[in-house]
Amino acid sequence: MKRQTATDLHSVDLKVWRAGTHLKALKREAAQIDQLGLPGFRVEIEREGLDHSFFPTGPTAVPDSFLVTFGDCIHNLRSVLDHLAGNLVRLSGAKPDRVSFPVLHAVQRTNPCTGAKEPSLNLPVTPEIRNWLDSVQPYQRTEVGRRLGILHELDIVDKHRSMLVSAFAAESLRWHKDGENWADANRFPFPSHTWFSDQPLKDGQKCVTATYDSPQLEVNPYLNVGVKILFAGRSPARGKVVVSVLDDLYRLVVSELLPAAGIFFGIDPKAARIRVTQRWSVGGNQRSLSHRSAR
């Protein structure tokens, strides 16, 4: 049987590049949201100045553009594995007809026609590849399997059911001090204790309370609420920070699963991998084809 070379994984590389592009765009948008100070907050002085409580004001929904981008990122990460599965089937001498990377929560399944029990993992691959696929499945109850299951479920939700839901939540209190406001900002003490709600932000609902050792009857204008964007709704990653989850799933696919599968294609899993993509660049009436490489 003829072995394939690393260049046969070009479609895998393209999906990796696209997922990475979406992840970078997601991080840029999250940073822009943070820099704009969205959403806004008002402060109420409570307990005769010992507590300063923060309430979100105005829109508290995560922008639609952010929702679409992280859905695309998840789908492309899942597609990386599906393209990998197709190559593993070809490598095994079979035809990859509608092949997807198996993500299974049970070792066996019931045949709908015969009622007999049969292995859930039935991809037409060599025993060595089958053993590796078996080792990463969610039914093994490993961290790799757990994370693979999350990626699969997130993709199913976004692709077949509805848009993935995310929400803002309070994460920190930030004291903005620079050269221009340093003296005035230092008039205010920093809170001795801070309470954060674990619920998504809602307009008019308390989300942060800063507690001081002595009454503070003036609101500190340099103290701002930092927010995070969480998976919400019935998401399998509910309550976790979107960017952190996607960072981890990207590492799972690109830095763990792909290098491990690379040995079947004769690729050293410890060697740096160079992925080449071609992109059209259009300027005026001129068009050019550029090659970009990324490790």
C-alpha atoms as a PDB file:
ATOM      1  CA  MET A   1       0.000   0.000   0.000  1.00  0.00           C
ATOM      2  CA  LYS A   2       1.426   3.370  -1.015  1.00  0.00           C
ATOM      3  CA  ARG A   3       1.952   5.747   1.885  1.00  0.00           C
ATOM      4  CA  GLN A   4       0.776   9.314   1.519  1.00  0.00           C
ATOM      5  CA  THR A   5       3.083  12.227   2.160  1.00  0.00           C
ATOM      6  CA  ALA A   6       2.638  15.333   4.302  1.00  0.00           C
ATOM      7  CA  THR A   7       1.510  17.298   1.228  1.00  0.00           C
ATOM      8  CA  ASP A   8      -1.630  15.150   1.085  1.00  0.00           C
ATOM      9  CA  LEU A   9      -2.759  16.971   4.223  1.00  0.00           C
ATOM     10  CA  HIS A  10      -3.156  20.296   2.423  1.00  0.00           C
ATOM     11  CA  SER A  11      -6.926  20.407   3.004  1.00  0.00           C
ATOM     12  CA  VAL A  12      -6.258  19.816   6.712  1.00  0.00           C
ATOM     13  CA  ASP A  13      -3.755  22.669   6.695  1.00  0.00           C
ATOM     14  CA  LEU A  14      -6.256  25.006   5.046  1.00  0.00           C
ATOM     15  CA  LYS A  15      -8.860  24.293   7.707  1.00  0.00           C
ATOM     16  CA  VAL A  16      -6.250  24.883  10.426  1.00  0.00           C
ATOM     17  CA  TRP A  17      -5.354  28.215   8.845  1.00  0.00           C
ATOM     18  CA  ARG A  18      -9.005  29.229   8.607  1.00  0.00           C
ATOM     19  CA  ALA A  19      -9.729  28.268  12.217  1.00  0.00           C
ATOM     20  CA  GLY A  20      -6.666  30.240  13.316  1.00  0.00           C
ATOM     21  CA  THR A  21      -7.858  33.251  11.322  1.00  0.00           C
ATOM     22  CA  HIS A  22     -11.229  33.164  13.069  1.00  0.00           C
ATOM     23  CA  LEU A  23      -9.596  32.756  16.481  1.00  0.00           C
ATOM     24  CA  LYS A  24      -7.396  35.808  15.903  1.00  0.00           C
ATOM     25  CA  ALA A  25     -10.408  37.818  14.733  1.00  0.00           C
ATOM     26  CA  LEU A  26     -12.317  36.733  17.836  1.00  0.00           C
ATOM     27  CA  LYS A  27      -9.524  37.900  20.132  1.00  0.00           C
ATOM     28  CA  ARG A  28      -9.305  41.237  18.317  1.00  0.00           C
ATOM     29  CA  GLU A  29     -13.027  41.824  18.711  1.00  0.00           C
ATOM     30  CA  ALA A  30     -12.913  40.858  22.399  1.00  0.00           C
ATOM     31  CA  ALA A  31     -10.067  43.362  22.900  1.00  0.00           C
ATOM     32  CA  GLN A  32     -12.009  46.084  21.074  1.00  0.00           C
ATOM     33  CA  ILE A  33     -15.082  45.447  23.232  1.00  0.00           C
ATOM     34  CA  ASP A  34     -12.873  45.761  26.309  1.00  0.00           C
ATOM     35  CA  GLN A  35     -11.223  48.973  25.083  1.00  0.00           C
ATOM     36  CA  LEU A  36     -14.594  50.573  24.354  1.00  0.00           C
ATOM     37  CA  GLY A  37     -15.718  49.834  27.902  1.00  0.00           C
ATOM     38  CA  LEU A  38     -18.818  47.917  26.870  1.00  0.00           C
ATOM     39  CA  PRO A  39     -21.279  47.584  28.380  1.00  0.00           C
ATOM     40  CA  GLY A  40     -21.636  50.696  30.554  1.00  0.00           C
ATOM     41  CA  PHE A  41     -22.168  50.706  34.332  1.00  0.00           C
ATOM     42  CA  ARG A  42     -23.650  52.985  36.960  1.00  0.00           C
ATOM     43  CA  VAL A  43     -22.622  52.985  40.621  1.00  0.00           C
ATOM     44  CA  GLU A  44     -24.874  53.171  43.666  1.00  0.00           C
ATOM     45  CA  ILE A  45     -23.491  53.953  47.136  1.00  0.00           C
ATOM     46  CA  GLU A  46     -24.910  51.583  49.755  1.00  0.00           C
ATOM     47  CA  ARG A  47     -24.516  50.950  53.481  1.00  0.00           C
ATOM     48  CA  GLU A  48     -23.655  54.605  54.083  1.00  0.00           C
ATOM     49  CA  GLY A  49     -20.631  54.477  51.815  1.00  0.00           C
ATOM     50  CA  LEU A  50     -19.140  51.114  52.802  1.00  0.00           C
ATOM     51  CA  ASP A  51     -20.404  49.449  49.622  1.00  0.00           C
ATOM     52  CA  HIS A  52     -20.291  50.717  46.041  1.00  0.00           C
ATOM     53  CA  SER A  53     -22.437  48.528  43.789  1.00  0.00           C
ATOM     54  CA  PHE A  54     -22.235  48.407  40.003  1.00  0.00           C
ATOM     55  CA  PHE A  55     -25.238  47.933  37.703  1.00  0.00           C
ATOM     56  CA  PRO A  56     -24.960  47.455  33.919  1.00  0.00           C
ATOM     57  CA  THR A  57     -26.743  50.043  31.811  1.00  0.00           C
ATOM     58  CA  GLY A  58     -27.788  49.933  28.197  1.00  0.00           C
ATOM     59  CA  PRO A  59     -27.241  46.962  25.839  1.00  0.00           C
ATOM     60  CA  THR A  60     -25.707  43.912  27.529  1.00  0.00           C
ATOM     61  CA  ALA A  61     -25.949  41.488  24.590  1.00  0.00           C
ATOM     62  CA  VAL A  62     -22.779  40.194  22.963  1.00  0.00           C
ATOM     63  CA  PRO A  63     -22.477  41.535  19.367  1.00  0.00           C
ATOM     64  CA  ASP A  64     -23.785  39.224  16.634  1.00  0.00           C
ATOM     65  CA  SER A  65     -20.457  39.466  14.808  1.00  0.00           C
ATOM     66  CA  PHE A  66     -18.744  37.861  17.807  1.00  0.00           C
ATOM     67  CA  LEU A  67     -21.302  35.010  17.876  1.00  0.00           C
ATOM     68  CA  VAL A  68     -20.851  34.256  14.180  1.00  0.00           C
ATOM     69  CA  THR A  69     -17.059  34.360  14.375  1.00  0.00           C
ATOM     70  CA  PHE A  70     -16.720  31.885  17.225  1.00  0.00           C
ATOM     71  CA  GLY A  71     -19.272  29.583  15.578  1.00  0.00           C
ATOM     72  CA  ASP A  72     -17.148  29.615  12.412  1.00  0.00           C
ATOM     73  CA  CYS A  73     -13.994  28.954  14.431  1.00  0.00           C
ATOM     74  CA  ILE A  74     -15.548  25.908  16.094  1.00  0.00           C
ATOM     75  CA  HIS A  75     -16.869  24.536  12.803  1.00  0.00           C
ATOM     76  CA  ASN A  76     -13.479  24.862  11.095  1.00  0.00           C
ATOM     77  CA  LEU A  77     -11.726  23.136  14.003  1.00  0.00           C
ATOM     78  CA  ARG A  78     -14.199  20.262  13.687  1.00  0.00           C
ATOM     79  CA  SER A  79     -13.642  20.233   9.916  1.00  0.00           C
ATOM     80  CA  VAL A  80      -9.883  19.869  10.479  1.00  0.00           C
ATOM     81  CA  LEU A  81     -10.583  16.510  12.116  1.00  0.00           C
ATOM     82  CA  ASP A  82     -13.041  15.440   9.410  1.00  0.00           C
ATOM     83  CA  HIS A  83     -10.462  16.127   6.695  1.00  0.00           C
ATOM     84  CA  LEU A  84      -7.903  14.251   8.779  1.00  0.00           C
ATOM     85  CA  ALA A  85     -10.275  11.283   9.018  1.00  0.00           C
ATOM     86  CA  GLY A  86     -10.670  11.235   5.238  1.00  0.00           C
ATOM     87  CA  ASN A  87      -6.898  11.084   4.824  1.00  0.00           C
ATOM     88  CA  LEU A  88      -6.594   8.306   7.417  1.00  0.00           C
ATOM     89  CA  VAL A  89      -9.177   6.255   5.496  1.00  0.00           C
ATOM     90  CA  ARG A  90      -7.313   6.803   2.208  1.00  0.00           C
ATOM     91  CA  LEU A  91      -4.087   5.852   3.907  1.00  0.00           C
ATOM     92  CA  SER A  92      -5.746   2.594   4.962  1.00  0.00           C
ATOM     93  CA  GLY A  93      -6.652   1.761   1.353  1.00  0.00           C
ATOM     94  CA  ALA A  94     -10.369   2.560   1.582  1.00  0.00           C
ATOM     95  CA  LYS A  95     -12.510   5.266   0.020  1.00  0.00           C
ATOM     96  CA  PRO A  96     -13.493   8.148   2.345  1.00  0.00           C
ATOM     97  CA  ASP A  97     -17.188   8.255   1.430  1.00  0.00           C
ATOM     98  CA  ARG A  98     -18.881  10.793   3.748  1.00  0.00           C
ATOM     99  CA  VAL A  99     -16.279  10.186   6.421  1.00  0.00           C
ATOM    100  CA  SER A 100     -16.233  12.190   9.624  1.00  0.00           C
ATOM    101  CA  PHE A 101     -13.857  12.000  12.554  1.00  0.00           C
ATOM    102  CA  PRO A 102     -15.548   9.731  15.124  1.00  0.00           C
ATOM    103  CA  VAL A 103     -16.518  11.304  18.454  1.00  0.00           C
ATOM    104  CA  LEU A 104     -18.172   8.606  20.526  1.00  0.00           C
ATOM    105  CA  HIS A 105     -19.521   8.427  24.074  1.00  0.00           C
ATOM    106  CA  ALA A 106     -20.088   4.658  24.172  1.00  0.00           C
ATOM    107  CA  VAL A 107     -17.883   1.737  23.100  1.00  0.00           C
ATOM    108  CA  GLN A 108     -20.819  -0.147  21.579  1.00  0.00           C
ATOM    109  CA  ARG A 109     -24.015   0.744  19.807  1.00  0.00           C
ATOM    110  CA  THR A 110     -27.167  -1.150  18.884  1.00  0.00           C
ATOM    111  CA  ASN A 111     -27.590  -1.982  15.196  1.00  0.00           C
ATOM    112  CA  PRO A 112     -30.947  -0.405  14.210  1.00  0.00           C
ATOM    113  CA  CYS A 113     -31.688  -3.266  11.780  1.00  0.00           C
ATOM    114  CA  THR A 114     -30.611  -6.381  13.704  1.00  0.00           C
ATOM    115  CA  GLY A 115     -30.694  -5.127  17.292  1.00  0.00           C
ATOM    116  CA  ALA A 116     -27.265  -6.648  17.806  1.00  0.00           C
ATOM    117  CA  LYS A 117     -24.497  -4.907  19.723  1.00  0.00           C
ATOM    118  CA  GLU A 118     -21.569  -3.752  17.599  1.00  0.00           C
ATOM    119  CA  PRO A 119     -18.527  -1.487  18.028  1.00  0.00           C
ATOM    120  CA  SER A 120     -19.334   2.206  17.765  1.00  0.00           C
ATOM    121  CA  LEU A 121     -15.949   2.876  16.170  1.00  0.00           C
ATOM    122  CA  ASN A 122     -16.332   1.454  12.646  1.00  0.00           C
ATOM    123  CA  LEU A 123     -14.138   3.685  10.484  1.00  0.00           C
ATOM    124  CA  PRO A 124     -12.397   1.607   7.756  1.00  0.00           C
ATOM    125  CA  VAL A 125      -8.815   2.141   8.919  1.00  0.00           C
ATOM    126  CA  THR A 126      -5.817   0.003   9.862  1.00  0.00           C
ATOM    127  CA  PRO A 127      -5.636  -1.547  13.345  1.00  0.00           C
ATOM    128  CA  GLU A 128      -2.919   0.934  14.364  1.00  0.00           C
ATOM    129  CA  ILE A 129      -5.050   3.928  13.370  1.00  0.00           C
ATOM    130  CA  ARG A 130      -8.129   2.360  14.981  1.00  0.00           C
ATOM    131  CA  ASN A 131      -6.242   1.933  18.268  1.00  0.00           C
ATOM    132  CA  TRP A 132      -5.247   5.602  18.219  1.00  0.00           C
ATOM    133  CA  LEU A 133      -8.795   6.744  17.409  1.00  0.00           C
ATOM    134  CA  ASP A 134     -10.070   4.542  20.228  1.00  0.00           C
ATOM    135  CA  SER A 135      -7.615   6.129  22.681  1.00  0.00           C
ATOM    136  CA  VAL A 136      -8.925   9.681  22.165  1.00  0.00           C
ATOM    137  CA  GLN A 137     -12.669   8.962  22.340  1.00  0.00           C
ATOM    138  CA  PRO A 138     -14.863  10.577  25.021  1.00  0.00           C
ATOM    139  CA  TYR A 139     -15.846   7.104  26.276  1.00  0.00           C
ATOM    140  CA  GLN A 140     -12.267   6.679  27.551  1.00  0.00           C
ATOM    141  CA  ARG A 141     -13.010   9.388  30.164  1.00  0.00           C
ATOM    142  CA  THR A 142      -9.683  11.160  29.535  1.00  0.00           C
ATOM    143  CA  GLU A 143      -9.075  14.909  29.330  1.00  0.00           C
ATOM    144  CA  VAL A 144      -8.454  14.615  25.595  1.00  0.00           C
ATOM    145  CA  GLY A 145     -11.725  12.759  25.136  1.00  0.00           C
ATOM    146  CA  ARG A 146     -13.633  15.241  27.283  1.00  0.00           C
ATOM    147  CA  ARG A 147     -12.341  18.195  25.272  1.00  0.00           C
ATOM    148  CA  LEU A 148     -12.998  16.418  21.976  1.00  0.00           C
ATOM    149  CA  GLY A 149     -16.584  15.839  23.114  1.00  0.00           C
ATOM    150  CA  ILE A 150     -17.003  19.548  23.893  1.00  0.00           C
ATOM    151  CA  LEU A 151     -15.727  20.529  20.430  1.00  0.00           C
ATOM    152  CA  HIS A 152     -18.118  18.081  18.773  1.00  0.00           C
ATOM    153  CA  GLU A 153     -21.143  19.174  20.808  1.00  0.00           C
ATOM    154  CA  LEU A 154     -20.453  22.879  20.250  1.00  0.00           C
ATOM    155  CA  ASP A 155     -20.268  22.262  16.514  1.00  0.00           C
ATOM    156  CA  ILE A 156     -23.527  20.282  16.565  1.00  0.00           C
ATOM    157  CA  VAL A 157     -25.318  23.072  18.437  1.00  0.00           C
ATOM    158  CA  ASP A 158     -24.061  25.814  16.119  1.00  0.00           C
ATOM    159  CA  LYS A 159     -24.559  23.835  12.914  1.00  0.00           C
ATOM    160  CA  HIS A 160     -27.838  22.037  13.457  1.00  0.00           C
ATOM    161  CA  ARG A 161     -29.818  23.550  16.312  1.00  0.00           C
ATOM    162  CA  SER A 162     -29.282  27.261  16.847  1.00  0.00           C
ATOM    163  CA  MET A 163     -26.633  29.907  17.228  1.00  0.00           C
ATOM    164  CA  LEU A 164     -24.322  29.342  20.156  1.00  0.00           C
ATOM    165  CA  VAL A 165     -25.245  31.672  22.992  1.00  0.00           C
ATOM    166  CA  SER A 166     -22.777  33.825  24.862  1.00  0.00           C
ATOM    167  CA  ALA A 167     -23.133  36.512  27.494  1.00  0.00           C
ATOM    168  CA  PHE A 168     -21.145  39.192  29.281  1.00  0.00           C
ATOM    169  CA  ALA A 169     -20.254  38.654  32.935  1.00  0.00           C
ATOM    170  CA  ALA A 170     -18.305  40.820  35.374  1.00  0.00           C
ATOM    171  CA  GLU A 171     -14.717  39.648  35.786  1.00  0.00           C
ATOM    172  CA  SER A 172     -12.684  42.303  37.592  1.00  0.00           C
ATOM    173  CA  LEU A 173     -12.409  45.847  38.886  1.00  0.00           C
ATOM    174  CA  ARG A 174      -9.763  47.908  37.170  1.00  0.00           C
ATOM    175  CA  TRP A 175      -8.247  51.069  38.551  1.00  0.00           C
ATOM    176  CA  HIS A 176      -7.370  53.273  35.599  1.00  0.00           C
ATOM    177  CA  LYS A 177      -4.383  55.422  36.517  1.00  0.00           C
ATOM    178  CA  ASP A 178      -1.952  57.166  34.191  1.00  0.00           C
ATOM    179  CA  GLY A 179       0.320  60.198  34.157  1.00  0.00           C
ATOM    180  CA  GLU A 180      -2.539  62.633  33.624  1.00  0.00           C
ATOM    181  CA  ASN A 181      -4.854  61.454  36.407  1.00  0.00           C
ATOM    182  CA  TRP A 182      -2.346  59.909  38.835  1.00  0.00           C
ATOM    183  CA  ALA A 183      -2.659  62.486  41.593  1.00  0.00           C
ATOM    184  CA  ASP A 184      -6.453  62.654  41.491  1.00  0.00           C
ATOM    185  CA  ALA A 185      -6.884  58.876  41.215  1.00  0.00           C
ATOM    186  CA  ASN A 186      -4.734  58.344  44.310  1.00  0.00           C
ATOM    187  CA  ARG A 187      -7.286  60.260  46.391  1.00  0.00           C
ATOM    188  CA  PHE A 188      -9.447  57.155  46.345  1.00  0.00           C
ATOM    189  CA  PRO A 189      -8.698  53.988  48.329  1.00  0.00           C
ATOM    190  CA  PHE A 190      -8.945  50.596  46.650  1.00  0.00           C
ATOM    191  CA  PRO A 191     -11.729  48.304  47.929  1.00  0.00           C
ATOM    192  CA  SER A 192     -10.778  45.845  50.653  1.00  0.00           C
ATOM    193  CA  HIS A 193     -13.195  43.235  49.322  1.00  0.00           C
ATOM    194  CA  THR A 194     -15.074  42.709  46.046  1.00  0.00           C
ATOM    195  CA  TRP A 195     -18.104  40.549  45.270  1.00  0.00           C
ATOM    196  CA  PHE A 196     -18.835  39.456  41.678  1.00  0.00           C
ATOM    197  CA  SER A 197     -22.075  37.896  40.494  1.00  0.00           C
ATOM    198  CA  ASP A 198     -21.644  34.586  38.648  1.00  0.00           C
ATOM    199  CA  GLN A 199     -24.683  35.381  36.475  1.00  0.00           C
ATOM    200  CA  PRO A 200     -24.664  36.949  32.988  1.00  0.00           C
ATOM    201  CA  LEU A 201     -25.114  40.714  32.975  1.00  0.00           C
ATOM    202  CA  LYS A 202     -28.655  42.044  32.855  1.00  0.00           C
ATOM    203  CA  ASP A 203     -29.622  45.689  32.581  1.00  0.00           C
ATOM    204  CA  GLY A 204     -30.309  47.063  36.054  1.00  0.00           C
ATOM    205  CA  GLN A 205     -29.205  43.921  37.917  1.00  0.00           C
ATOM    206  CA  LYS A 206     -26.343  44.253  40.409  1.00  0.00           C
ATOM    207  CA  CYS A 207     -23.185  42.511  39.229  1.00  0.00           C
ATOM    208  CA  VAL A 208     -20.340  43.869  41.416  1.00  0.00           C
ATOM    209  CA  THR A 209     -20.083  45.232  44.936  1.00  0.00           C
ATOM    210  CA  ALA A 210     -16.888  46.896  46.144  1.00  0.00           C
ATOM    211  CA  THR A 211     -16.559  47.052  49.940  1.00  0.00           C
ATOM    212  CA  TYR A 212     -14.357  49.598  51.749  1.00  0.00           C
ATOM    213  CA  ASP A 213     -12.951  49.618  55.280  1.00  0.00           C
ATOM    214  CA  SER A 214     -14.309  53.112  55.858  1.00  0.00           C
ATOM    215  CA  PRO A 215     -17.255  54.981  54.289  1.00  0.00           C
ATOM    216  CA  GLN A 216     -16.586  56.436  50.828  1.00  0.00           C
ATOM    217  CA  LEU A 217     -19.251  58.944  49.886  1.00  0.00           C
ATOM    218  CA  GLU A 218     -17.712  59.818  46.521  1.00  0.00           C
ATOM    219  CA  VAL A 219     -17.731  57.408  43.604  1.00  0.00           C
ATOM    220  CA  ASN A 220     -14.274  56.600  42.241  1.00  0.00           C
ATOM    221  CA  PRO A 221     -14.505  57.593  38.544  1.00  0.00           C
ATOM    222  CA  TYR A 222     -11.315  55.691  37.759  1.00  0.00           C
ATOM    223  CA  LEU A 223     -12.623  52.315  38.915  1.00  0.00           C
ATOM    224  CA  ASN A 224     -14.083  50.342  36.014  1.00  0.00           C
ATOM    225  CA  VAL A 225     -15.668  46.917  35.629  1.00  0.00           C
ATOM    226  CA  GLY A 226     -13.813  44.477  33.387  1.00  0.00           C
ATOM    227  CA  VAL A 227     -16.023  41.914  31.626  1.00  0.00           C
ATOM    228  CA  LYS A 228     -15.595  38.459  30.157  1.00  0.00           C
ATOM    229  CA  ILE A 229     -17.681  36.726  27.489  1.00  0.00           C
ATOM    230  CA  LEU A 230     -19.050  33.366  28.578  1.00  0.00           C
ATOM    231  CA  PHE A 231     -20.806  30.488  26.887  1.00  0.00           C
ATOM    232  CA  ALA A 232     -24.412  30.620  28.037  1.00  0.00           C
ATOM    233  CA  GLY A 233     -27.709  28.857  27.389  1.00  0.00           C
ATOM    234  CA  ARG A 234     -27.493  25.053  27.221  1.00  0.00           C
ATOM    235  CA  SER A 235     -23.991  25.025  25.784  1.00  0.00           C
ATOM    236  CA  PRO A 236     -21.753  22.103  26.853  1.00  0.00           C
ATOM    237  CA  ALA A 237     -19.208  24.770  27.825  1.00  0.00           C
ATOM    238  CA  ARG A 238     -21.732  26.841  29.777  1.00  0.00           C
ATOM    239  CA  GLY A 239     -20.136  29.298  32.192  1.00  0.00           C
ATOM    240  CA  LYS A 240     -16.680  29.080  30.612  1.00  0.00           C
ATOM    241  CA  VAL A 241     -14.917  32.004  28.904  1.00  0.00           C
ATOM    242  CA  VAL A 242     -15.367  31.759  25.120  1.00  0.00           C
ATOM    243  CA  VAL A 243     -11.853  32.807  24.104  1.00  0.00           C
ATOM    244  CA  SER A 244     -10.225  30.502  26.686  1.00  0.00           C
ATOM    245  CA  VAL A 245     -12.309  27.516  25.540  1.00  0.00           C
ATOM    246  CA  LEU A 246     -11.471  28.136  21.874  1.00  0.00           C
ATOM    247  CA  ASP A 247      -7.788  28.584  22.696  1.00  0.00           C
ATOM    248  CA  ASP A 248      -7.837  25.208  24.424  1.00  0.00           C
ATOM    249  CA  LEU A 249      -9.747  23.468  21.620  1.00  0.00           C
ATOM    250  CA  TYR A 250      -7.364  24.937  19.037  1.00  0.00           C
ATOM    251  CA  ARG A 251      -4.425  23.498  21.018  1.00  0.00           C
ATOM    252  CA  LEU A 252      -6.227  20.163  21.260  1.00  0.00           C
ATOM    253  CA  VAL A 253      -6.644  19.898  17.496  1.00  0.00           C
ATOM    254  CA  VAL A 254      -3.470  21.553  16.205  1.00  0.00           C
ATOM    255  CA  SER A 255      -0.910  20.780  18.911  1.00  0.00           C
ATOM    256  CA  GLU A 256      -2.152  17.406  20.200  1.00  0.00           C
ATOM    257  CA  LEU A 257      -4.375  15.422  17.817  1.00  0.00           C
ATOM    258  CA  LEU A 258      -2.730  16.399  14.507  1.00  0.00           C
ATOM    259  CA  PRO A 259       0.856  15.720  15.670  1.00  0.00           C
ATOM    260  CA  ALA A 260      -0.247  12.381  17.138  1.00  0.00           C
ATOM    261  CA  ALA A 261      -1.906  11.404  13.837  1.00  0.00           C
ATOM    262  CA  GLY A 262       1.079  12.668  11.865  1.00  0.00           C
ATOM    263  CA  ILE A 263       3.114   9.535  12.617  1.00  0.00           C
ATOM    264  CA  PHE A 264       0.796   7.551  10.309  1.00  0.00           C
ATOM    265  CA  PHE A 265       1.893   9.851   7.483  1.00  0.00           C
ATOM    266  CA  GLY A 266       5.567   9.634   8.376  1.00  0.00           C
ATOM    267  CA  ILE A 267       5.603  13.035  10.098  1.00  0.00           C
ATOM    268  CA  ASP A 268       7.702  13.482  13.213  1.00  0.00           C
ATOM    269  CA  PRO A 269       5.234  14.720  15.882  1.00  0.00           C
ATOM    270  CA  LYS A 270       7.985  16.785  17.512  1.00  0.00           C
ATOM    271  CA  ALA A 271       9.079  18.499  14.292  1.00  0.00           C
ATOM    272  CA  ALA A 272       7.873  22.010  13.474  1.00  0.00           C
ATOM    273  CA  ARG A 273       5.175  21.856  10.795  1.00  0.00           C
ATOM    274  CA  ILE A 274       5.067  24.463   8.027  1.00  0.00           C
ATOM    275  CA  ARG A 275       1.653  25.029   6.491  1.00  0.00           C
ATOM    276  CA  VAL A 276       1.436  26.899   3.194  1.00  0.00           C
ATOM    277  CA  THR A 277      -1.695  28.692   2.026  1.00  0.00           C
ATOM    278  CA  GLN A 278      -2.389  30.592  -1.179  1.00  0.00           C
ATOM    279  CA  ARG A 279      -4.403  33.800  -1.081  1.00  0.00           C
ATOM    280  CA  TRP A 280      -5.520  36.213  -3.752  1.00  0.00           C
ATOM    281  CA  SER A 281      -4.644  39.831  -3.238  1.00  0.00           C
ATOM    282  CA  VAL A 282      -6.662  42.364  -5.260  1.00  0.00           C
ATOM    283  CA  GLY A 283      -5.481  45.960  -5.617  1.00  0.00           C
ATOM    284  CA  GLY A 284      -6.904  48.255  -8.291  1.00  0.00           C
ATOM    285  CA  ASN A 285      -6.899  46.281 -11.540  1.00  0.00           C
ATOM    286  CA  GLN A 286      -4.061  44.000 -10.438  1.00  0.00           C
ATOM    287  CA  ARG A 287      -4.409  40.573  -8.944  1.00  0.00           C
ATOM    288  CA  SER A 288      -1.627  38.545  -7.429  1.00  0.00           C
ATOM    289  CA  LEU A 289      -1.323  35.151  -5.774  1.00  0.00           C
ATOM    290  CA  SER A 290       0.643  35.092  -2.533  1.00  0.00           C
ATOM    291  CA  HIS A 291       1.941  32.183  -0.493  1.00  0.00           C
ATOM    292  CA  ARG A 292       1.827  32.464   3.281  1.00  0.00           C
ATOM    293  CA  SER A 293       3.554  30.026   5.589  1.00  0.00           C
ATOM    294  CA  ALA A 294       2.788  29.451   9.241  1.00  0.00           C
ATOM    295  CA  ARG A 295       4.113  26.980  11.758  1.00  0.00           C
END
